[in-house]
Protein backbone atom coordinates (compact mmCIF):
# COMPACT_ATOMS: atom_id res chain seq x y z
CA UNK A 1 18.10 141.97 126.64
CA UNK A 2 18.68 145.69 126.39
CA UNK A 3 20.12 145.74 129.94
CA UNK A 4 22.60 142.98 129.10
CA UNK A 5 23.73 144.89 126.02
CA UNK A 6 24.16 148.03 128.11
CA UNK A 7 26.08 146.10 130.76
CA UNK A 8 28.54 144.87 128.16
CA UNK A 9 29.27 148.45 127.19
CA UNK A 10 29.83 149.46 130.82
CA UNK A 11 32.22 146.52 131.14
CA UNK A 12 34.09 147.53 127.97
CA UNK A 13 34.44 151.13 129.15
CA UNK A 14 35.61 150.12 132.64
CA UNK A 15 38.22 147.64 131.46
CA UNK A 16 39.45 149.97 128.71
CA UNK A 17 39.95 152.68 131.32
CA UNK A 18 41.67 150.32 133.76
CA UNK A 19 44.03 148.83 131.19
CA UNK A 20 44.67 152.15 129.46
CA UNK A 21 45.64 154.01 132.62
CA UNK A 22 47.78 151.13 133.90
CA UNK A 23 49.56 150.77 130.54
CA UNK A 24 52.41 153.17 131.46
CA UNK A 25 53.24 151.12 134.57
CA UNK A 26 53.34 147.93 132.51
CA UNK A 27 55.66 149.52 129.94
CA UNK A 28 57.87 150.91 132.72
CA UNK A 29 58.30 147.50 134.34
CA UNK A 30 59.02 145.91 130.96
CA UNK A 31 61.56 148.59 129.99
CA UNK A 32 63.30 148.33 133.36
CA UNK A 33 64.02 144.67 132.65
CA UNK A 34 65.79 145.44 129.36
CA UNK A 35 69.56 145.31 129.01
CA UNK A 36 71.51 148.56 129.34
CA UNK A 37 75.15 147.63 129.99
CA UNK A 38 76.62 151.14 129.79
CA UNK A 39 74.72 153.94 131.52
CA UNK A 40 73.00 152.01 134.30
CA UNK A 41 76.13 149.94 135.02
CA UNK A 42 78.14 153.16 135.33
CA UNK A 43 75.59 154.66 137.71
CA UNK A 44 75.41 151.43 139.72
CA UNK A 45 79.18 151.40 140.21
CA UNK A 46 79.51 155.09 141.08
CA UNK A 47 76.64 157.11 142.55
CA UNK A 48 73.46 155.04 142.54
CA UNK A 49 73.91 153.61 146.02
CA UNK A 50 74.33 157.12 147.39
CA UNK A 51 71.05 158.06 145.67
CA UNK A 52 69.32 155.07 147.22
CA UNK A 53 70.72 155.86 150.67
CA UNK A 54 69.67 159.51 150.46
CA UNK A 55 66.19 158.51 149.32
CA UNK A 56 65.70 156.11 152.22
CA UNK A 57 67.05 158.65 154.73
CA UNK A 58 64.75 161.30 153.26
CA UNK A 59 61.69 159.05 153.59
CA UNK A 60 62.52 158.00 157.14
CA UNK A 61 63.40 161.52 158.23
CA UNK A 62 60.25 163.12 156.80
CA UNK A 63 58.05 160.37 158.25
CA UNK A 64 59.63 160.66 161.71
CA UNK A 65 59.53 164.46 161.85
CA UNK A 66 55.93 164.49 160.58
CA UNK A 67 55.01 162.16 163.47
CA UNK A 68 56.78 164.41 165.97
CA UNK A 69 54.78 167.41 164.71
CA UNK A 70 51.40 165.91 163.83
CA UNK A 71 50.71 163.34 166.54
CA UNK A 72 50.87 165.74 169.51
CA UNK A 73 48.91 168.37 167.55
CA UNK A 74 46.23 165.89 166.54
CA UNK A 75 45.84 164.66 170.11
CA UNK A 76 45.69 168.21 171.53
CA UNK A 77 43.02 169.32 169.06
CA UNK A 78 40.97 166.12 169.44
CA UNK A 79 41.08 165.63 173.22
CA UNK A 80 42.15 168.86 174.90
CA UNK A 81 40.63 172.28 175.44
CA UNK A 82 43.07 175.18 175.18
CA UNK A 83 43.07 178.73 173.79
CA UNK A 84 42.79 178.79 169.99
CA UNK A 85 41.68 175.17 169.63
CA UNK A 86 38.94 175.91 167.07
CA UNK A 87 41.33 177.99 164.99
CA UNK A 88 44.11 175.40 165.04
CA UNK A 89 41.73 172.54 164.18
CA UNK A 90 41.55 173.84 160.59
CA UNK A 91 44.46 176.28 160.33
CA UNK A 92 47.05 173.55 160.92
CA UNK A 93 45.99 172.00 157.59
CA UNK A 94 46.89 175.16 155.62
CA UNK A 95 50.53 174.13 154.89
CA UNK A 96 49.13 171.50 152.49
CA UNK A 97 48.51 174.35 150.05
CA UNK A 98 52.18 175.34 150.10
CA UNK A 99 54.40 173.68 147.44
CA UNK A 100 57.54 172.42 149.10
CA UNK A 101 59.94 174.27 146.80
CA UNK A 102 58.37 177.62 147.79
CA UNK A 103 58.92 177.09 151.49
CA UNK A 104 62.42 175.81 150.72
CA UNK A 105 63.27 178.98 148.83
CA UNK A 106 61.80 181.25 151.50
CA UNK A 107 63.85 179.72 154.31
CA UNK A 108 66.97 179.54 152.19
CA UNK A 109 66.60 183.25 151.50
CA UNK A 110 66.05 183.93 155.22
CA UNK A 111 68.92 181.79 156.57
CA UNK A 112 71.63 182.14 153.91
CA UNK A 113 74.80 184.08 154.68
CA UNK A 114 73.39 187.13 152.88
CA UNK A 115 69.93 186.64 154.40
CA UNK A 116 68.34 188.86 157.06
CA UNK A 117 68.84 186.39 159.95
CA UNK A 118 72.62 186.09 159.62
CA UNK A 119 72.97 189.79 158.84
CA UNK A 120 71.11 190.62 162.06
CA UNK A 121 73.33 188.22 164.04
CA UNK A 122 76.52 189.75 162.62
CA UNK A 123 75.29 193.26 163.41
CA UNK A 124 74.27 192.27 166.93
CA UNK A 125 77.49 190.47 167.89
CA UNK A 126 80.00 192.30 165.72
CA UNK A 127 80.99 189.25 163.66
CA UNK A 128 82.86 190.06 160.48
CA UNK A 129 83.13 186.78 158.55
CA UNK A 130 81.84 183.17 158.52
CA UNK A 131 84.97 182.16 160.45
CA UNK A 132 83.75 184.14 163.46
CA UNK A 133 80.65 181.98 164.10
CA UNK A 134 78.86 178.78 163.19
CA UNK A 135 75.48 178.72 161.46
CA UNK A 136 73.67 175.69 160.08
CA UNK A 137 73.44 175.10 156.33
CA UNK A 138 69.82 174.67 155.34
CA UNK A 139 70.62 173.34 151.85
CA UNK A 140 71.36 169.82 153.04
CA UNK A 141 69.53 166.52 153.36
CA UNK A 142 68.46 167.53 156.86
CA UNK A 143 67.12 170.82 155.55
CA UNK A 144 65.14 169.02 152.85
CA UNK A 145 63.65 166.72 155.50
CA UNK A 146 62.48 169.72 157.55
CA UNK A 147 61.01 171.53 154.53
CA UNK A 148 59.07 168.48 153.35
CA UNK A 149 57.83 167.61 156.83
CA UNK A 150 56.45 171.14 157.26
CA UNK A 151 54.21 170.76 154.20
CA UNK A 152 53.35 167.05 154.59
CA UNK A 153 52.58 166.72 158.31
CA UNK A 154 48.93 167.90 157.77
CA UNK A 155 48.13 164.52 156.15
CA UNK A 156 48.93 162.77 159.43
CA UNK A 157 47.40 165.55 161.54
CA UNK A 158 44.05 165.32 159.75
CA UNK A 159 43.89 161.52 159.66
CA UNK A 160 45.03 161.07 163.29
CA UNK A 161 42.68 163.78 164.57
CA UNK A 162 39.77 162.14 162.75
CA UNK A 163 40.69 158.70 164.10
CA UNK A 164 40.78 160.02 167.66
CA UNK A 165 37.38 161.68 167.33
CA UNK A 166 35.93 158.38 166.08
CA UNK A 167 37.32 156.43 169.05
CA UNK A 168 35.14 155.76 172.05
CA UNK A 169 35.98 158.10 174.91
CA UNK A 170 35.08 155.36 177.38
CA UNK A 171 38.48 153.74 177.00
CA UNK A 172 40.34 156.97 177.69
CA UNK A 173 38.10 157.73 180.66
CA UNK A 174 38.65 154.22 182.00
CA UNK A 175 42.41 154.69 181.73
CA UNK A 176 42.09 157.96 183.65
CA UNK A 177 40.09 156.24 186.40
CA UNK A 178 42.87 153.64 186.68
CA UNK A 179 45.33 156.42 187.45
CA UNK A 180 46.91 157.00 184.04
CA UNK A 181 48.02 160.53 183.25
CA UNK A 182 46.98 162.10 179.90
CA UNK A 183 50.45 161.40 178.50
CA UNK A 184 50.27 157.75 179.57
CA UNK A 185 46.79 157.50 178.06
CA UNK A 186 48.18 158.93 174.81
CA UNK A 187 50.82 156.19 174.53
CA UNK A 188 48.73 153.32 175.93
CA UNK A 189 45.31 154.02 174.36
CA UNK A 190 45.28 156.67 171.64
CA UNK A 191 48.34 155.57 169.67
CA UNK A 192 47.66 151.80 169.66
CA UNK A 193 44.01 152.24 168.65
CA UNK A 194 45.01 154.63 165.85
CA UNK A 195 47.91 152.58 164.57
CA UNK A 196 46.18 151.68 161.32
CA UNK A 197 45.28 155.29 160.53
CA UNK A 198 48.79 156.45 161.46
CA UNK A 199 50.41 153.80 159.28
CA UNK A 200 48.23 154.77 156.31
CA UNK A 201 49.06 158.46 156.74
CA UNK A 202 52.79 157.78 157.15
CA UNK A 203 52.71 155.64 153.99
CA UNK A 204 51.12 158.55 152.10
CA UNK A 205 53.70 160.99 153.49
CA UNK A 206 56.51 158.59 152.53
CA UNK A 207 55.19 158.36 148.97
CA UNK A 208 55.04 162.14 148.69
CA UNK A 209 58.53 162.52 150.16
CA UNK A 210 60.02 160.01 147.74
CA UNK A 211 58.19 161.68 144.84
CA UNK A 212 59.52 165.16 145.63
CA UNK A 213 61.77 166.58 142.97
CA UNK A 214 61.77 170.35 143.37
CA UNK A 215 63.01 170.65 146.95
CA UNK A 216 65.78 168.06 146.73
CA UNK A 217 66.86 169.46 143.37
CA UNK A 218 66.99 173.01 144.73
CA UNK A 219 68.93 171.83 147.78
CA UNK A 220 71.29 169.78 145.56
CA UNK A 221 70.42 166.57 147.41
CA UNK A 222 70.83 163.57 145.11
CA UNK A 223 67.90 161.15 145.38
CA UNK A 224 66.40 158.60 143.03
CA UNK A 225 63.91 161.21 141.81
CA UNK A 226 66.67 163.56 140.69
CA UNK A 227 68.58 160.56 139.30
CA UNK A 228 65.68 159.76 136.93
CA UNK A 229 65.62 163.38 135.74
CA UNK A 230 69.41 163.61 135.32
CA UNK A 231 69.66 160.25 133.57
CA UNK A 232 67.01 161.19 131.03
CA UNK A 233 68.34 164.69 130.31
CA UNK A 234 72.03 164.00 130.92
CA UNK A 235 72.52 160.56 129.37
CA UNK A 236 69.37 160.39 127.18
CA UNK A 237 68.92 156.79 128.29
CA UNK A 238 65.27 155.91 128.68
CA UNK A 239 66.15 152.36 129.71
CA UNK A 240 68.48 153.49 132.51
CA UNK A 241 65.86 155.96 133.72
CA UNK A 242 63.30 153.16 133.70
CA UNK A 243 65.61 150.93 135.75
CA UNK A 244 66.05 153.66 138.38
CA UNK A 245 62.28 154.14 138.36
CA UNK A 246 61.94 150.40 138.96
CA UNK A 247 64.10 150.72 142.07
CA UNK A 248 61.81 153.47 143.35
CA UNK A 249 58.76 151.29 142.76
CA UNK A 250 60.45 148.42 144.58
CA UNK A 251 61.10 150.66 147.62
CA UNK A 252 57.49 151.81 147.48
CA UNK A 253 56.04 148.30 147.29
CA UNK A 254 58.30 147.07 150.10
CA UNK A 255 57.15 149.97 152.31
CA UNK A 256 53.49 149.24 151.56
CA UNK A 257 54.00 145.52 152.22
CA UNK A 258 55.68 146.21 155.57
CA UNK A 259 52.86 148.57 156.56
CA UNK A 260 50.16 146.04 155.63
CA UNK A 261 52.02 143.09 157.19
CA UNK A 262 52.52 144.95 160.49
CA UNK A 263 48.73 145.39 160.78
CA UNK A 264 47.68 141.93 159.58
CA UNK A 265 46.26 140.76 162.93
CA UNK A 266 44.95 144.07 164.20
CA UNK A 267 41.30 145.06 164.44
CA UNK A 268 39.48 147.80 166.32
CA UNK A 269 35.80 147.36 167.10
CA UNK A 270 35.16 149.98 169.80
CA UNK A 271 34.15 153.08 167.84
CA UNK A 272 31.78 155.98 168.23
CA UNK A 273 28.96 156.33 165.75
CA UNK A 274 29.62 160.07 165.43
CA UNK A 275 32.46 162.49 165.89
CA UNK A 276 32.73 163.93 169.39
CA UNK A 277 33.65 167.50 170.21
CA UNK A 278 33.89 166.73 173.93
CA UNK A 279 37.19 167.83 175.46
CA UNK A 280 38.51 165.16 177.78
CA UNK A 281 41.33 167.28 179.15
CA UNK A 282 40.67 171.00 179.80
CA UNK A 283 44.11 172.63 179.96
CA UNK A 284 44.86 175.60 182.18
CA UNK A 285 47.84 177.70 183.16
CA UNK A 286 51.20 176.69 181.80
CA UNK A 287 49.87 173.60 180.01
CA UNK A 288 47.32 175.64 178.07
CA UNK A 289 50.00 178.18 177.16
CA UNK A 290 52.39 175.41 176.03
CA UNK A 291 49.71 173.79 173.84
CA UNK A 292 48.81 177.09 172.18
CA UNK A 293 52.47 178.05 171.78
CA UNK A 294 53.37 174.73 170.14
CA UNK A 295 50.48 174.92 167.67
CA UNK A 296 51.21 178.58 166.96
CA UNK A 297 54.88 177.88 166.32
CA UNK A 298 54.14 175.12 163.82
CA UNK A 299 51.54 177.23 162.00
CA UNK A 300 53.87 180.24 161.99
CA UNK A 301 56.85 178.34 160.59
CA UNK A 302 54.95 176.15 158.11
CA UNK A 303 52.53 178.69 156.67
CA UNK A 304 52.44 182.24 158.05
CA UNK A 305 56.12 183.11 157.50
CA UNK A 306 56.30 181.73 153.93
CA UNK A 307 53.07 183.48 152.93
CA UNK A 308 54.22 186.70 154.60
CA UNK A 309 57.54 186.61 152.73
CA UNK A 310 55.85 185.80 149.40
CA UNK A 311 53.38 188.60 149.99
CA UNK A 312 56.25 191.00 150.61
CA UNK A 313 57.90 189.87 147.37
CA UNK A 314 54.63 190.33 145.50
CA UNK A 315 54.23 193.90 146.78
CA UNK A 316 57.84 194.92 146.14
CA UNK A 317 58.06 193.32 142.69
CA UNK A 318 54.45 193.66 141.61
CA UNK A 319 55.18 195.45 138.34
CA UNK A 320 57.67 192.78 137.24
CA UNK A 321 55.58 189.81 138.46
CA UNK A 322 52.14 191.02 137.28
CA UNK A 323 52.77 190.66 133.55
CA UNK A 324 51.54 188.94 130.41
CA UNK A 325 53.59 185.83 131.17
CA UNK A 326 51.71 185.32 134.44
CA UNK A 327 48.33 185.53 132.70
CA UNK A 328 49.44 183.22 129.88
CA UNK A 329 50.86 180.55 132.21
CA UNK A 330 47.90 180.86 134.57
CA UNK A 331 45.50 180.31 131.67
CA UNK A 332 47.51 177.31 130.43
CA UNK A 333 47.58 175.80 133.91
CA UNK A 334 43.87 176.40 134.50
CA UNK A 335 43.00 174.96 131.09
CA UNK A 336 44.96 171.74 131.58
CA UNK A 337 43.81 171.32 135.19
CA UNK A 338 40.15 171.79 134.25
CA UNK A 339 40.42 169.33 131.35
CA UNK A 340 42.13 166.67 133.48
CA UNK A 341 39.56 167.14 136.25
CA UNK A 342 36.68 166.57 133.83
CA UNK A 343 38.34 163.52 132.30
CA UNK A 344 39.24 161.97 135.67
CA UNK A 345 35.75 162.56 137.08
CA UNK A 346 34.03 161.18 133.97
CA UNK A 347 36.17 158.05 133.83
CA UNK A 348 35.85 157.41 137.57
CA UNK A 349 32.05 157.71 137.42
CA UNK A 350 31.90 155.19 134.57
CA UNK A 351 34.24 152.74 136.29
CA UNK A 352 32.59 152.99 139.71
CA UNK A 353 29.14 152.66 138.15
CA UNK A 354 30.24 149.43 136.47
CA UNK A 355 31.22 148.18 139.95
CA UNK A 356 27.74 149.05 141.14
CA UNK A 357 26.05 147.28 138.22
CA UNK A 358 28.06 144.09 138.76
CA UNK A 359 28.86 143.79 142.48
CA UNK A 360 31.56 141.12 142.34
CA UNK A 361 35.28 140.99 143.22
CA UNK A 362 36.19 140.96 139.52
CA UNK A 363 34.41 144.28 138.91
CA UNK A 364 36.83 146.00 141.30
CA UNK A 365 39.87 145.30 139.15
CA UNK A 366 39.39 148.03 136.51
CA UNK A 367 39.34 150.68 139.24
CA UNK A 368 42.37 149.19 140.97
CA UNK A 369 44.33 149.02 137.72
CA UNK A 370 43.41 152.58 136.81
CA UNK A 371 44.50 153.80 140.25
CA UNK A 372 48.03 152.35 140.09
CA UNK A 373 49.39 155.57 138.58
CA UNK A 374 49.00 157.47 141.86
CA UNK A 375 51.90 155.48 143.30
CA UNK A 376 54.22 156.81 140.57
CA UNK A 377 56.32 159.89 141.45
CA UNK A 378 56.15 162.66 138.87
CA UNK A 379 59.52 161.95 137.25
CA UNK A 380 58.79 158.22 137.13
CA UNK A 381 55.35 158.91 135.73
CA UNK A 382 56.82 160.99 132.92
CA UNK A 383 59.14 158.16 131.91
CA UNK A 384 56.29 155.65 132.18
CA UNK A 385 54.06 157.76 129.93
CA UNK A 386 56.78 158.38 127.36
CA UNK A 387 57.39 154.66 126.85
CA UNK A 388 53.99 153.66 125.35
CA UNK A 389 53.62 156.98 123.50
CA UNK A 390 57.03 156.76 121.80
CA UNK A 391 56.45 153.09 121.01
CA UNK A 392 53.15 153.95 119.32
CA UNK A 393 54.73 156.89 117.46
CA UNK A 394 57.64 154.77 116.21
CA UNK A 395 55.27 152.06 114.98
CA UNK A 396 53.03 154.52 113.11
CA UNK A 397 56.00 156.41 111.65
CA UNK A 398 57.57 153.15 110.47
CA UNK A 399 54.27 152.09 108.90
CA UNK A 400 53.70 155.41 107.08
CA UNK A 401 57.32 156.12 106.16
CA UNK A 402 57.11 154.41 102.73
CA UNK A 403 54.22 156.76 101.87
CA UNK A 404 56.12 159.90 103.02
CA UNK A 405 53.38 160.60 105.56
CA UNK A 406 55.23 159.92 108.84
CA UNK A 407 53.77 162.39 111.41
CA UNK A 408 56.79 162.42 113.73
CA UNK A 409 56.26 163.15 117.44
CA UNK A 410 52.52 163.75 117.33
CA UNK A 411 51.84 162.53 120.91
CA UNK A 412 54.92 162.80 123.13
CA UNK A 413 55.69 166.33 121.95
CA UNK A 414 52.21 167.72 122.56
CA UNK A 415 49.83 168.62 125.37
CA UNK A 416 48.30 165.16 125.02
CA UNK A 417 51.28 163.72 126.91
CA UNK A 418 50.77 166.06 129.90
CA UNK A 419 47.01 165.52 129.99
CA UNK A 420 47.40 161.75 129.77
CA UNK A 421 50.08 161.75 132.47
CA UNK A 422 47.95 163.85 134.81
CA UNK A 423 44.93 161.59 134.32
CA UNK A 424 47.09 158.53 135.05
CA UNK A 425 48.54 160.22 138.15
CA UNK A 426 45.40 161.70 139.67
CA UNK A 427 42.64 159.34 138.59
CA UNK A 428 42.91 157.56 141.95
CA UNK A 429 41.89 160.75 143.80
CA UNK A 430 38.71 161.06 141.75
CA UNK A 431 37.98 157.33 142.00
CA UNK A 432 38.22 157.31 145.79
CA UNK A 433 35.91 160.28 146.23
CA UNK A 434 33.33 159.06 143.69
CA UNK A 435 33.40 155.52 145.10
CA UNK A 436 32.80 156.86 148.59
CA UNK A 437 29.87 158.97 147.37
CA UNK A 438 28.34 156.07 145.44
CA UNK A 439 28.52 153.83 148.51
CA UNK A 440 26.13 156.16 150.34
CA UNK A 441 23.40 155.83 147.70
CA UNK A 442 20.84 153.18 148.61
CA UNK A 443 20.46 150.30 146.09
CA UNK A 444 16.70 150.75 146.44
CA UNK A 445 16.96 153.86 144.26
CA UNK A 446 18.43 151.75 141.44
CA UNK A 447 15.64 149.22 141.74
CA UNK A 448 12.99 151.93 141.82
CA UNK A 449 14.45 153.54 138.70
CA UNK A 450 14.61 150.21 136.89
CA UNK A 451 10.99 149.44 137.82
CA UNK A 452 10.01 152.73 136.15
CA UNK A 453 11.53 151.56 132.88
CA UNK A 454 14.87 153.41 133.00
CA UNK A 455 17.97 151.63 131.76
CA UNK A 456 21.42 151.83 133.33
CA UNK A 457 22.46 155.01 131.49
CA UNK A 458 19.22 156.82 132.33
CA UNK A 459 19.48 155.78 135.98
CA UNK A 460 23.01 157.17 136.15
CA UNK A 461 22.17 160.52 134.55
CA UNK A 462 18.78 161.17 136.16
CA UNK A 463 19.20 159.55 139.61
CA UNK A 464 22.84 159.17 140.60
CA UNK A 465 24.52 162.23 139.09
CA UNK A 466 22.25 164.74 140.90
CA UNK A 467 22.92 162.97 144.22
CA UNK A 468 26.66 162.82 143.51
CA UNK A 469 27.06 166.55 142.88
CA UNK A 470 28.87 167.24 146.14
CA UNK A 471 31.23 164.29 145.78
CA UNK A 472 31.91 165.25 142.15
CA UNK A 473 32.73 168.82 143.17
CA UNK A 474 35.08 167.66 145.93
CA UNK A 475 36.86 165.17 143.67
CA UNK A 476 37.11 167.70 140.85
CA UNK A 477 38.64 170.32 143.15
CA UNK A 478 41.19 167.89 144.57
CA UNK A 479 42.29 166.76 141.10
CA UNK A 480 42.34 170.37 139.87
CA UNK A 481 44.64 171.56 142.65
CA UNK A 482 46.99 168.61 142.30
CA UNK A 483 47.31 169.39 138.58
CA UNK A 484 48.04 173.04 139.35
CA UNK A 485 50.90 172.07 141.68
CA UNK A 486 52.36 169.16 139.67
CA UNK A 487 55.93 169.98 138.66
CA UNK A 488 58.24 167.09 137.64
CA UNK A 489 55.87 165.53 135.12
CA UNK A 490 55.26 168.94 133.55
CA UNK A 491 59.01 169.65 133.38
CA UNK A 492 59.66 166.41 131.52
CA UNK A 493 56.60 166.27 129.25
CA UNK A 494 55.77 169.88 128.36
CA UNK A 495 55.99 170.88 124.70
CA UNK A 496 58.63 173.32 123.52
CA UNK A 497 58.00 176.89 124.79
CA UNK A 498 55.12 175.74 126.98
CA UNK A 499 55.02 176.61 130.68
CA UNK A 500 52.62 176.02 133.54
CA UNK A 501 52.57 178.16 136.66
CA UNK A 502 54.48 175.44 138.52
CA UNK A 503 57.27 175.20 135.93
CA UNK A 504 57.34 179.00 135.58
CA UNK A 505 57.78 179.51 139.33
CA UNK A 506 60.33 176.71 139.65
CA UNK A 507 62.49 178.18 136.89
CA UNK A 508 62.74 181.41 138.88
CA UNK A 509 63.38 179.45 142.09
CA UNK A 510 66.25 177.63 140.37
CA UNK A 511 67.67 180.99 139.26
CA UNK A 512 67.33 182.44 142.81
CA UNK A 513 64.79 184.98 141.51
CA UNK A 514 61.48 183.86 143.01
CA UNK A 515 60.64 187.53 143.61
CA UNK A 516 59.96 187.93 139.90
CA UNK A 517 57.39 185.10 140.00
CA UNK A 518 55.98 185.90 143.45
CA UNK A 519 52.48 186.67 142.16
CA UNK A 520 52.36 183.30 140.38
CA UNK A 521 53.62 181.57 143.53
CA UNK A 522 50.96 183.21 145.69
CA UNK A 523 48.32 182.30 143.12
CA UNK A 524 49.27 178.61 143.40
CA UNK A 525 49.04 178.80 147.20
CA UNK A 526 45.69 180.62 147.19
CA UNK A 527 44.15 178.18 144.71
CA UNK A 528 45.42 175.33 146.88
CA UNK A 529 43.43 176.68 149.82
CA UNK A 530 40.10 176.03 148.05
CA UNK A 531 39.89 172.24 148.62
CA UNK A 532 41.07 172.71 152.21
CA UNK A 533 38.10 175.00 152.79
CA UNK A 534 35.67 172.41 151.44
CA UNK A 535 37.32 169.59 153.41
CA UNK A 536 37.01 171.62 156.60
CA UNK A 537 33.35 172.41 155.86
CA UNK A 538 32.70 168.73 155.27
CA UNK A 539 34.38 167.80 158.56
CA UNK A 540 32.33 170.40 160.44
CA UNK A 541 29.08 169.04 159.01
CA UNK A 542 30.03 165.53 160.12
CA UNK A 543 30.41 166.85 163.66
């Protein structure tokens, strides 16, 4: 009887979490269906189609360029032996720690008319003005595609490399026996067998590209993400912003549906039980040099040069950048990130444990509902969070107004809004990691604990939590770093006179003065390297 009572509480907690974290999405969809004949109609008739076109081109361009970079690199590291292979196997993931707006600023500073590259060209060839030569403009849609692909390709690189290492080498060896060259084997064997993993990674990259606000805003490229921001701050129309957000969600759902539909009849059964470090193709001579040069070039452009430039800024402007503002904003960022990490981990443990207690299809729904927020770009998330919070505030203010006790904006104007938004956005990361860790715990441990008289809560705290420590640490770090880097939601939801490191750095980027926030920018990058270290350690142990 006691177990049934306990189970009802687990069910209540799980469903409350699922419904609570999916509430912003429900409000967003509802608000997007409301009538707004002025602002949205004006945008629809003037600029909205350009925003939609730019967004689609951005997604396609970033996805395509990421494939061009990541697929050859993943195949080289997984199947070939060449100088520097061990270094590149983990170093090529480092650009994930680099916020896109930082790399965008660095290369804008390098390639602008007053930058060192064009100055060197003018000095070398004697050019006097822009009319004397042609040089590409990096602050365009094409430039934004390149900047985003440089920081997002590691998703595909890691997933594709892992998929290749899990594939049976017998198929590749058989293709080689039949006379296929390594390149032919790549297109005939490796790519088709990894199509599911590639599609999943490309979908993730597409979501991140569509969600980007900082880079496209800095490059003055109008996309749906910037349209949401401009509509809210320019027209003060929450309904119009919600309608634009609805268009973004529609594009996202269509992309996911196409990806799932394209793989509906595909299945791969030939897999290795463990990762393989065997090199199928030892490269020598010019081929080995080309492989090392290609990997070195990507790493140099995507990570080494930006970090080198930021480090130079930090040294030259150390006195201006190392100040009380940096410490204040760092503390505020660390505080919020730590709080969100604890909340996301706690809620995910409770929800996943409910799934374990009641192994049925219905028990999966709270976790799925709670994870819907990860699909929301930061600007869309901010609008989605504001809708239920302002509705609740208006209702309470209306109720207490006759008593002269109306509290005003007691939720949407506070840190609660940011914390709630971050939990909604990043809960899915914690849920996935915790669910994966729980799946590796044998059910026999639960039965043994129950036979010793422990109830569900005692089993969780004394048996599962100690075993889950590594998964909890990994999930907590991933959520923590994502919170540290989150920008658009913080820009829209932060209280008055409140800054995080991300908003602080972006303000200086917008003012073309990143040098004065270079220490804060480097701090964000260095903190972002922590989860990459643990991911690499985990991958090495699986080998």
